[in-house]
Amino acid sequence: MSITLYIDDPSNPKVKAFLQFIKTLDFVRAEEDEKFELDAEHMRILEQRRKERLSGKQDFFSREEVKQSAMAKIKKKSSR
C-alpha cells in the first residue's frame, strides 16, 4: 500500500516530530521529494516550443482531443 501525504508547512515543529516518528517504524519507507529544476538548455527548448505553438507553427491538442483520437483509433482496430 502506498499513501502520499501533502504537508503545507514543513517548518511546523509538529510536522518535524511526526516525520521523525514515522521514520522509526520498520514498515514505513519515507521519501522526501527534492525540488526539480530545469537547466538553461531545457528552458530554452521549452520557450522555443511555446513560441512555435503561440505563433501557429506547431499544432496543439488538448488532453481531451488526444484522448478522443486515441479512443477512435482503438475502436477502429478492434472493429477489424
PDB file of N, CA and C in Angstrom:
ATOM      1  N   MET A   1       0.841  -1.165   0.000  1.00  0.00           N
ATOM      2  CA  MET A   1       0.000   0.000   0.000  1.00  0.00           C
ATOM      3  C   MET A   1       0.892   1.236   0.000  1.00  0.00           C
ATOM      4  N   SER A   2       0.431   2.241  -0.691  1.00  0.00           N
ATOM      5  CA  SER A   2       1.191   3.481  -0.765  1.00  0.00           C
ATOM      6  C   SER A   2       0.276   4.644  -0.404  1.00  0.00           C
ATOM      7  N   ILE A   3       0.746   5.515   0.450  1.00  0.00           N
ATOM      8  CA  ILE A   3      -0.018   6.688   0.868  1.00  0.00           C
ATOM      9  C   ILE A   3       0.867   7.907   0.664  1.00  0.00           C
ATOM     10  N   THR A   4       0.300   8.938   0.074  1.00  0.00           N
ATOM     11  CA  THR A   4       1.029  10.184  -0.126  1.00  0.00           C
ATOM     12  C   THR A   4       0.451  11.241   0.797  1.00  0.00           C
ATOM     13  N   LEU A   5       1.311  11.905   1.532  1.00  0.00           N
ATOM     14  CA  LEU A   5       0.894  12.988   2.417  1.00  0.00           C
ATOM     15  C   LEU A   5       1.424  14.300   1.849  1.00  0.00           C
ATOM     16  N   TYR A   6       0.575  15.293   1.811  1.00  0.00           N
ATOM     17  CA  TYR A   6       0.999  16.626   1.385  1.00  0.00           C
ATOM     18  C   TYR A   6       1.061  17.509   2.623  1.00  0.00           C
ATOM     19  N   ILE A   7       2.221  18.042   2.897  1.00  0.00           N
ATOM     20  CA  ILE A   7       2.425  18.842   4.097  1.00  0.00           C
ATOM     21  C   ILE A   7       2.640  20.284   3.679  1.00  0.00           C
ATOM     22  N   ASP A   8       1.724  21.148   4.116  1.00  0.00           N
ATOM     23  CA  ASP A   8       1.772  22.554   3.706  1.00  0.00           C
ATOM     24  C   ASP A   8       2.850  23.359   4.417  1.00  0.00           C
ATOM     25  N   ASP A   9       3.124  23.022   5.663  1.00  0.00           N
ATOM     26  CA  ASP A   9       4.088  23.800   6.439  1.00  0.00           C
ATOM     27  C   ASP A   9       5.141  22.873   7.049  1.00  0.00           C
ATOM     28  N   PRO A  10       6.157  22.499   6.255  1.00  0.00           N
ATOM     29  CA  PRO A  10       7.160  21.565   6.774  1.00  0.00           C
ATOM     30  C   PRO A  10       7.996  22.127   7.913  1.00  0.00           C
ATOM     31  N   SER A  11       7.926  23.440   8.140  1.00  0.00           N
ATOM     32  CA  SER A  11       8.709  24.020   9.236  1.00  0.00           C
ATOM     33  C   SER A  11       7.985  23.919  10.581  1.00  0.00           C
ATOM     34  N   ASN A  12       6.741  23.488  10.568  1.00  0.00           N
ATOM     35  CA  ASN A  12       5.968  23.320  11.799  1.00  0.00           C
ATOM     36  C   ASN A  12       6.635  22.253  12.668  1.00  0.00           C
ATOM     37  N   PRO A  13       6.881  22.551  13.935  1.00  0.00           N
ATOM     38  CA  PRO A  13       7.542  21.572  14.818  1.00  0.00           C
ATOM     39  C   PRO A  13       6.785  20.252  14.921  1.00  0.00           C
ATOM     40  N   LYS A  14       5.457  20.289  14.862  1.00  0.00           N
ATOM     41  CA  LYS A  14       4.663  19.059  14.930  1.00  0.00           C
ATOM     42  C   LYS A  14       4.924  18.184  13.700  1.00  0.00           C
ATOM     43  N   VAL A  15       5.105  18.808  12.559  1.00  0.00           N
ATOM     44  CA  VAL A  15       5.400  18.064  11.334  1.00  0.00           C
ATOM     45  C   VAL A  15       6.752  17.381  11.466  1.00  0.00           C
ATOM     46  N   LYS A  16       7.738  18.109  11.956  1.00  0.00           N
ATOM     47  CA  LYS A  16       9.069  17.536  12.126  1.00  0.00           C
ATOM     48  C   LYS A  16       9.033  16.346  13.087  1.00  0.00           C
ATOM     49  N   ALA A  17       8.296  16.483  14.171  1.00  0.00           N
ATOM     50  CA  ALA A  17       8.185  15.387  15.139  1.00  0.00           C
ATOM     51  C   ALA A  17       7.479  14.189  14.514  1.00  0.00           C
ATOM     52  N   PHE A  18       6.424  14.449  13.763  1.00  0.00           N
ATOM     53  CA  PHE A  18       5.685  13.383  13.091  1.00  0.00           C
ATOM     54  C   PHE A  18       6.588  12.631  12.114  1.00  0.00           C
ATOM     55  N   LEU A  19       7.337  13.358  11.298  1.00  0.00           N
ATOM     56  CA  LEU A  19       8.229  12.721  10.328  1.00  0.00           C
ATOM     57  C   LEU A  19       9.319  11.909  11.016  1.00  0.00           C
ATOM     58  N   GLN A  20       9.875  12.438  12.092  1.00  0.00           N
ATOM     59  CA  GLN A  20      10.885  11.688  12.832  1.00  0.00           C
ATOM     60  C   GLN A  20      10.300  10.394  13.372  1.00  0.00           C
ATOM     61  N   PHE A  21       9.065  10.464  13.860  1.00  0.00           N
ATOM     62  CA  PHE A  21       8.415   9.279  14.402  1.00  0.00           C
ATOM     63  C   PHE A  21       8.180   8.223  13.326  1.00  0.00           C
ATOM     64  N   ILE A  22       7.581   8.607  12.210  1.00  0.00           N
ATOM     65  CA  ILE A  22       7.248   7.584  11.204  1.00  0.00           C
ATOM     66  C   ILE A  22       8.503   6.973  10.596  1.00  0.00           C
ATOM     67  N   LYS A  23       9.606   7.709  10.586  1.00  0.00           N
ATOM     68  CA  LYS A  23      10.857   7.154  10.057  1.00  0.00           C
ATOM     69  C   LYS A  23      11.427   6.072  10.976  1.00  0.00           C
ATOM     70  N   THR A  24      10.967   6.021  12.230  1.00  0.00           N
ATOM     71  CA  THR A  24      11.448   4.989  13.157  1.00  0.00           C
ATOM     72  C   THR A  24      10.710   3.668  12.976  1.00  0.00           C
ATOM     73  N   LEU A  25       9.597   3.670  12.274  1.00  0.00           N
ATOM     74  CA  LEU A  25       8.797   2.458  12.087  1.00  0.00           C
ATOM     75  C   LEU A  25       9.411   1.600  10.994  1.00  0.00           C
ATOM     76  N   ASP A  26       9.587   0.308  11.285  1.00  0.00           N
ATOM     77  CA  ASP A  26      10.252  -0.569  10.326  1.00  0.00           C
ATOM     78  C   ASP A  26       9.403  -0.874   9.085  1.00  0.00           C
ATOM     79  N   PHE A  27       8.109  -0.635   9.129  1.00  0.00           N
ATOM     80  CA  PHE A  27       7.249  -0.916   7.981  1.00  0.00           C
ATOM     81  C   PHE A  27       6.950   0.328   7.141  1.00  0.00           C
ATOM     82  N   VAL A  28       7.625   1.433   7.436  1.00  0.00           N
ATOM     83  CA  VAL A  28       7.414   2.683   6.704  1.00  0.00           C
ATOM     84  C   VAL A  28       8.703   3.073   5.997  1.00  0.00           C
ATOM     85  N   ARG A  29       8.568   3.413   4.731  1.00  0.00           N
ATOM     86  CA  ARG A  29       9.706   3.958   3.976  1.00  0.00           C
ATOM     87  C   ARG A  29       9.347   5.392   3.624  1.00  0.00           C
ATOM     88  N   ALA A  30      10.044   6.337   4.196  1.00  0.00           N
ATOM     89  CA  ALA A  30       9.757   7.753   3.969  1.00  0.00           C
ATOM     90  C   ALA A  30      10.725   8.301   2.935  1.00  0.00           C
ATOM     91  N   GLU A  31      10.143   8.894   1.897  1.00  0.00           N
ATOM     92  CA  GLU A  31      10.952   9.524   0.863  1.00  0.00           C
ATOM     93  C   GLU A  31      10.530  10.981   0.750  1.00  0.00           C
ATOM     94  N   GLU A  32      11.483  11.855   0.760  1.00  0.00           N
ATOM     95  CA  GLU A  32      11.167  13.273   0.621  1.00  0.00           C
ATOM     96  C   GLU A  32      11.459  13.701  -0.805  1.00  0.00           C
ATOM     97  N   ASP A  33      10.507  14.434  -1.381  1.00  0.00           N
ATOM     98  CA  ASP A  33      10.696  14.928  -2.738  1.00  0.00           C
ATOM     99  C   ASP A  33      11.711  16.056  -2.728  1.00  0.00           C
ATOM    100  N   GLU A  34      12.587  16.000  -3.700  1.00  0.00           N
ATOM    101  CA  GLU A  34      13.515  17.104  -3.880  1.00  0.00           C
ATOM    102  C   GLU A  34      12.962  17.992  -4.975  1.00  0.00           C
ATOM    103  N   LYS A  35      13.210  19.263  -4.866  1.00  0.00           N
ATOM    104  CA  LYS A  35      12.731  20.168  -5.907  1.00  0.00           C
ATOM    105  C   LYS A  35      13.498  19.891  -7.185  1.00  0.00           C
ATOM    106  N   PHE A  36      12.764  19.898  -8.277  1.00  0.00           N
ATOM    107  CA  PHE A  36      13.349  19.636  -9.580  1.00  0.00           C
ATOM    108  C   PHE A  36      13.370  20.938 -10.360  1.00  0.00           C
ATOM    109  N   GLU A  37      14.519  21.265 -10.911  1.00  0.00           N
ATOM    110  CA  GLU A  37      14.634  22.477 -11.709  1.00  0.00           C
ATOM    111  C   GLU A  37      15.210  22.132 -13.070  1.00  0.00           C
ATOM    112  N   LEU A  38      14.660  22.750 -14.093  1.00  0.00           N
ATOM    113  CA  LEU A  38      15.170  22.554 -15.444  1.00  0.00           C
ATOM    114  C   LEU A  38      16.425  23.387 -15.645  1.00  0.00           C
ATOM    115  N   ASP A  39      17.359  22.825 -16.397  1.00  0.00           N
ATOM    116  CA  ASP A  39      18.566  23.603 -16.687  1.00  0.00           C
ATOM    117  C   ASP A  39      18.274  24.583 -17.831  1.00  0.00           C
ATOM    118  N   ALA A  40      19.225  25.438 -18.120  1.00  0.00           N
ATOM    119  CA  ALA A  40      19.037  26.501 -19.111  1.00  0.00           C
ATOM    120  C   ALA A  40      18.704  25.952 -20.498  1.00  0.00           C
ATOM    121  N   GLU A  41      19.319  24.842 -20.887  1.00  0.00           N
ATOM    122  CA  GLU A  41      19.070  24.263 -22.209  1.00  0.00           C
ATOM    123  C   GLU A  41      17.622  23.772 -22.331  1.00  0.00           C
ATOM    124  N   HIS A  42      17.131  23.099 -21.318  1.00  0.00           N
ATOM    125  CA  HIS A  42      15.741  22.641 -21.347  1.00  0.00           C
ATOM    126  C   HIS A  42      14.767  23.810 -21.339  1.00  0.00           C
ATOM    127  N   MET A  43      15.086  24.836 -20.576  1.00  0.00           N
ATOM    128  CA  MET A  43      14.230  26.033 -20.560  1.00  0.00           C
ATOM    129  C   MET A  43      14.207  26.686 -21.939  1.00  0.00           C
ATOM    130  N   ARG A  44      15.345  26.709 -22.622  1.00  0.00           N
ATOM    131  CA  ARG A  44      15.410  27.288 -23.967  1.00  0.00           C
ATOM    132  C   ARG A  44      14.524  26.490 -24.922  1.00  0.00           C
ATOM    133  N   ILE A  45      14.586  25.160 -24.835  1.00  0.00           N
ATOM    134  CA  ILE A  45      13.779  24.301 -25.703  1.00  0.00           C
ATOM    135  C   ILE A  45      12.286  24.519 -25.436  1.00  0.00           C
ATOM    136  N   LEU A  46      11.910  24.573 -24.178  1.00  0.00           N
ATOM    137  CA  LEU A  46      10.507  24.798 -23.842  1.00  0.00           C
ATOM    138  C   LEU A  46      10.017  26.149 -24.326  1.00  0.00           C
ATOM    139  N   GLU A  47      10.843  27.163 -24.180  1.00  0.00           N
ATOM    140  CA  GLU A  47      10.467  28.507 -24.638  1.00  0.00           C
ATOM    141  C   GLU A  47      10.310  28.535 -26.157  1.00  0.00           C
ATOM    142  N   GLN A  48      11.198  27.846 -26.874  1.00  0.00           N
ATOM    143  CA  GLN A  48      11.102  27.774 -28.330  1.00  0.00           C
ATOM    144  C   GLN A  48       9.801  27.077 -28.746  1.00  0.00           C
ATOM    145  N   ARG A  49       9.489  25.981 -28.102  1.00  0.00           N
ATOM    146  CA  ARG A  49       8.255  25.248 -28.415  1.00  0.00           C
ATOM    147  C   ARG A  49       7.017  26.081 -28.092  1.00  0.00           C
ATOM    148  N   ARG A  50       7.073  26.820 -26.990  1.00  0.00           N
ATOM    149  CA  ARG A  50       5.941  27.689 -26.617  1.00  0.00           C
ATOM    150  C   ARG A  50       5.717  28.754 -27.677  1.00  0.00           C
ATOM    151  N   LYS A  51       6.803  29.362 -28.142  1.00  0.00           N
ATOM    152  CA  LYS A  51       6.689  30.394 -29.178  1.00  0.00           C
ATOM    153  C   LYS A  51       6.125  29.813 -30.470  1.00  0.00           C
ATOM    154  N   GLU A  52       6.569  28.612 -30.841  1.00  0.00           N
ATOM    155  CA  GLU A  52       6.057  27.962 -32.047  1.00  0.00           C
ATOM    156  C   GLU A  52       4.573  27.659 -31.921  1.00  0.00           C
ATOM    157  N   ARG A  53       4.176  27.225 -30.752  1.00  0.00           N
ATOM    158  CA  ARG A  53       2.754  26.921 -30.541  1.00  0.00           C
ATOM    159  C   ARG A  53       1.918  28.186 -30.601  1.00  0.00           C
ATOM    160  N   LEU A  54       2.385  29.260 -29.950  1.00  0.00           N
ATOM    161  CA  LEU A  54       1.637  30.506 -29.947  1.00  0.00           C
ATOM    162  C   LEU A  54       1.568  31.156 -31.320  1.00  0.00           C
ATOM    163  N   SER A  55       2.603  30.966 -32.131  1.00  0.00           N
ATOM    164  CA  SER A  55       2.625  31.564 -33.468  1.00  0.00           C
ATOM    165  C   SER A  55       1.863  30.726 -34.487  1.00  0.00           C
ATOM    166  N   GLY A  56       1.440  29.528 -34.090  1.00  0.00           N
ATOM    167  CA  GLY A  56       0.687  28.675 -35.002  1.00  0.00           C
ATOM    168  C   GLY A  56       1.561  27.760 -35.837  1.00  0.00           C
ATOM    169  N   LYS A  57       2.867  27.793 -35.632  1.00  0.00           N
ATOM    170  CA  LYS A  57       3.776  26.927 -36.387  1.00  0.00           C
ATOM    171  C   LYS A  57       3.709  25.489 -35.895  1.00  0.00           C
ATOM    172  N   GLN A  58       3.213  25.278 -34.695  1.00  0.00           N
ATOM    173  CA  GLN A  58       3.136  23.947 -34.111  1.00  0.00           C
ATOM    174  C   GLN A  58       1.704  23.703 -33.648  1.00  0.00           C
ATOM    175  N   ASP A  59       1.168  22.534 -33.974  1.00  0.00           N
ATOM    176  CA  ASP A  59      -0.188  22.201 -33.556  1.00  0.00           C
ATOM    177  C   ASP A  59      -0.240  21.945 -32.067  1.00  0.00           C
ATOM    178  N   PHE A  60      -1.376  22.205 -31.510  1.00  0.00           N
ATOM    179  CA  PHE A  60      -1.596  21.972 -30.093  1.00  0.00           C
ATOM    180  C   PHE A  60      -2.914  21.233 -29.937  1.00  0.00           C
ATOM    181  N   PHE A  61      -2.920  20.188 -29.151  1.00  0.00           N
ATOM    182  CA  PHE A  61      -4.126  19.425 -28.891  1.00  0.00           C
ATOM    183  C   PHE A  61      -4.358  19.368 -27.395  1.00  0.00           C
ATOM    184  N   SER A  62      -5.602  19.543 -26.996  1.00  0.00           N
ATOM    185  CA  SER A  62      -5.928  19.434 -25.579  1.00  0.00           C
ATOM    186  C   SER A  62      -5.855  17.971 -25.163  1.00  0.00           C
ATOM    187  N   ARG A  63      -5.837  17.747 -23.871  1.00  0.00           N
ATOM    188  CA  ARG A  63      -5.803  16.380 -23.352  1.00  0.00           C
ATOM    189  C   ARG A  63      -7.026  15.612 -23.846  1.00  0.00           C
ATOM    190  N   GLU A  64      -8.175  16.268 -23.840  1.00  0.00           N
ATOM    191  CA  GLU A  64      -9.411  15.620 -24.265  1.00  0.00           C
ATOM    192  C   GLU A  64      -9.356  15.250 -25.750  1.00  0.00           C
ATOM    193  N   GLU A  65      -8.790  16.129 -26.589  1.00  0.00           N
ATOM    194  CA  GLU A  65      -8.662  15.825 -28.026  1.00  0.00           C
ATOM    195  C   GLU A  65      -7.759  14.617 -28.258  1.00  0.00           C
ATOM    196  N   VAL A  66      -6.665  14.541 -27.530  1.00  0.00           N
ATOM    197  CA  VAL A  66      -5.744  13.413 -27.663  1.00  0.00           C
ATOM    198  C   VAL A  66      -6.435  12.131 -27.215  1.00  0.00           C
ATOM    199  N   LYS A  67      -7.173  12.207 -26.123  1.00  0.00           N
ATOM    200  CA  LYS A  67      -7.889  11.041 -25.606  1.00  0.00           C
ATOM    201  C   LYS A  67      -8.921  10.549 -26.622  1.00  0.00           C
ATOM    202  N   GLN A  68      -9.683  11.472 -27.204  1.00  0.00           N
ATOM    203  CA  GLN A  68     -10.698  11.099 -28.194  1.00  0.00           C
ATOM    204  C   GLN A  68     -10.057  10.465 -29.424  1.00  0.00           C
ATOM    205  N   SER A  69      -8.949  11.019 -29.872  1.00  0.00           N
ATOM    206  CA  SER A  69      -8.245  10.472 -31.032  1.00  0.00           C
ATOM    207  C   SER A  69      -7.740   9.058 -30.749  1.00  0.00           C
ATOM    208  N   ALA A  70      -7.167   8.862 -29.578  1.00  0.00           N
ATOM    209  CA  ALA A  70      -6.654   7.542 -29.211  1.00  0.00           C
ATOM    210  C   ALA A  70      -7.790   6.531 -29.109  1.00  0.00           C
ATOM    211  N   MET A  71      -8.890   6.931 -28.506  1.00  0.00           N
ATOM    212  CA  MET A  71     -10.034   6.023 -28.367  1.00  0.00           C
ATOM    213  C   MET A  71     -10.602   5.658 -29.739  1.00  0.00           C
ATOM    214  N   ALA A  72     -10.635   6.612 -30.662  1.00  0.00           N
ATOM    215  CA  ALA A  72     -11.139   6.333 -32.007  1.00  0.00           C
ATOM    216  C   ALA A  72     -10.244   5.320 -32.715  1.00  0.00           C
ATOM    217  N   LYS A  73      -8.933   5.447 -32.535  1.00  0.00           N
ATOM    218  CA  LYS A  73      -8.002   4.500 -33.152  1.00  0.00           C
ATOM    219  C   LYS A  73      -8.156   3.106 -32.549  1.00  0.00           C
ATOM    220  N   ILE A  74      -8.377   3.037 -31.244  1.00  0.00           N
ATOM    221  CA  ILE A  74      -8.567   1.749 -30.578  1.00  0.00           C
ATOM    222  C   ILE A  74      -9.852   1.089 -31.091  1.00  0.00           C
ATOM    223  N   LYS A  75     -10.913   1.859 -31.191  1.00  0.00           N
ATOM    224  CA  LYS A  75     -12.182   1.327 -31.687  1.00  0.00           C
ATOM    225  C   LYS A  75     -12.048   0.842 -33.123  1.00  0.00           C
ATOM    226  N   LYS A  76     -11.314   1.599 -33.922  1.00  0.00           N
ATOM    227  CA  LYS A  76     -11.119   1.234 -35.331  1.00  0.00           C
ATOM    228  C   LYS A  76     -10.364  -0.093 -35.435  1.00  0.00           C
ATOM    229  N   LYS A  77      -9.311  -0.261 -34.604  1.00  0.00           N
ATOM    230  CA  LYS A  77      -8.534  -1.514 -34.620  1.00  0.00           C
ATOM    231  C   LYS A  77      -9.376  -2.702 -34.143  1.00  0.00           C
ATOM    232  N   SER A  78     -10.180  -2.466 -33.110  1.00  0.00           N
ATOM    233  CA  SER A  78     -10.961  -3.571 -32.539  1.00  0.00           C
ATOM    234  C   SER A  78     -12.131  -3.984 -33.437  1.00  0.00           C
ATOM    235  N   SER A  79     -12.546  -3.115 -34.352  1.00  0.00           N
ATOM    236  CA  SER A  79     -13.666  -3.455 -35.242  1.00  0.00           C
ATOM    237  C   SER A  79     -13.209  -4.206 -36.482  1.00  0.00           C
ATOM    238  N   ARG A  80     -11.921  -4.381 -36.656  1.00  0.00           N
ATOM    239  CA  ARG A  80     -11.401  -5.094 -37.824  1.00  0.00           C
ATOM    240  C   ARG A  80     -11.629  -6.563 -37.722  1.00  0.00           C
TER     241      ARG A  80
END
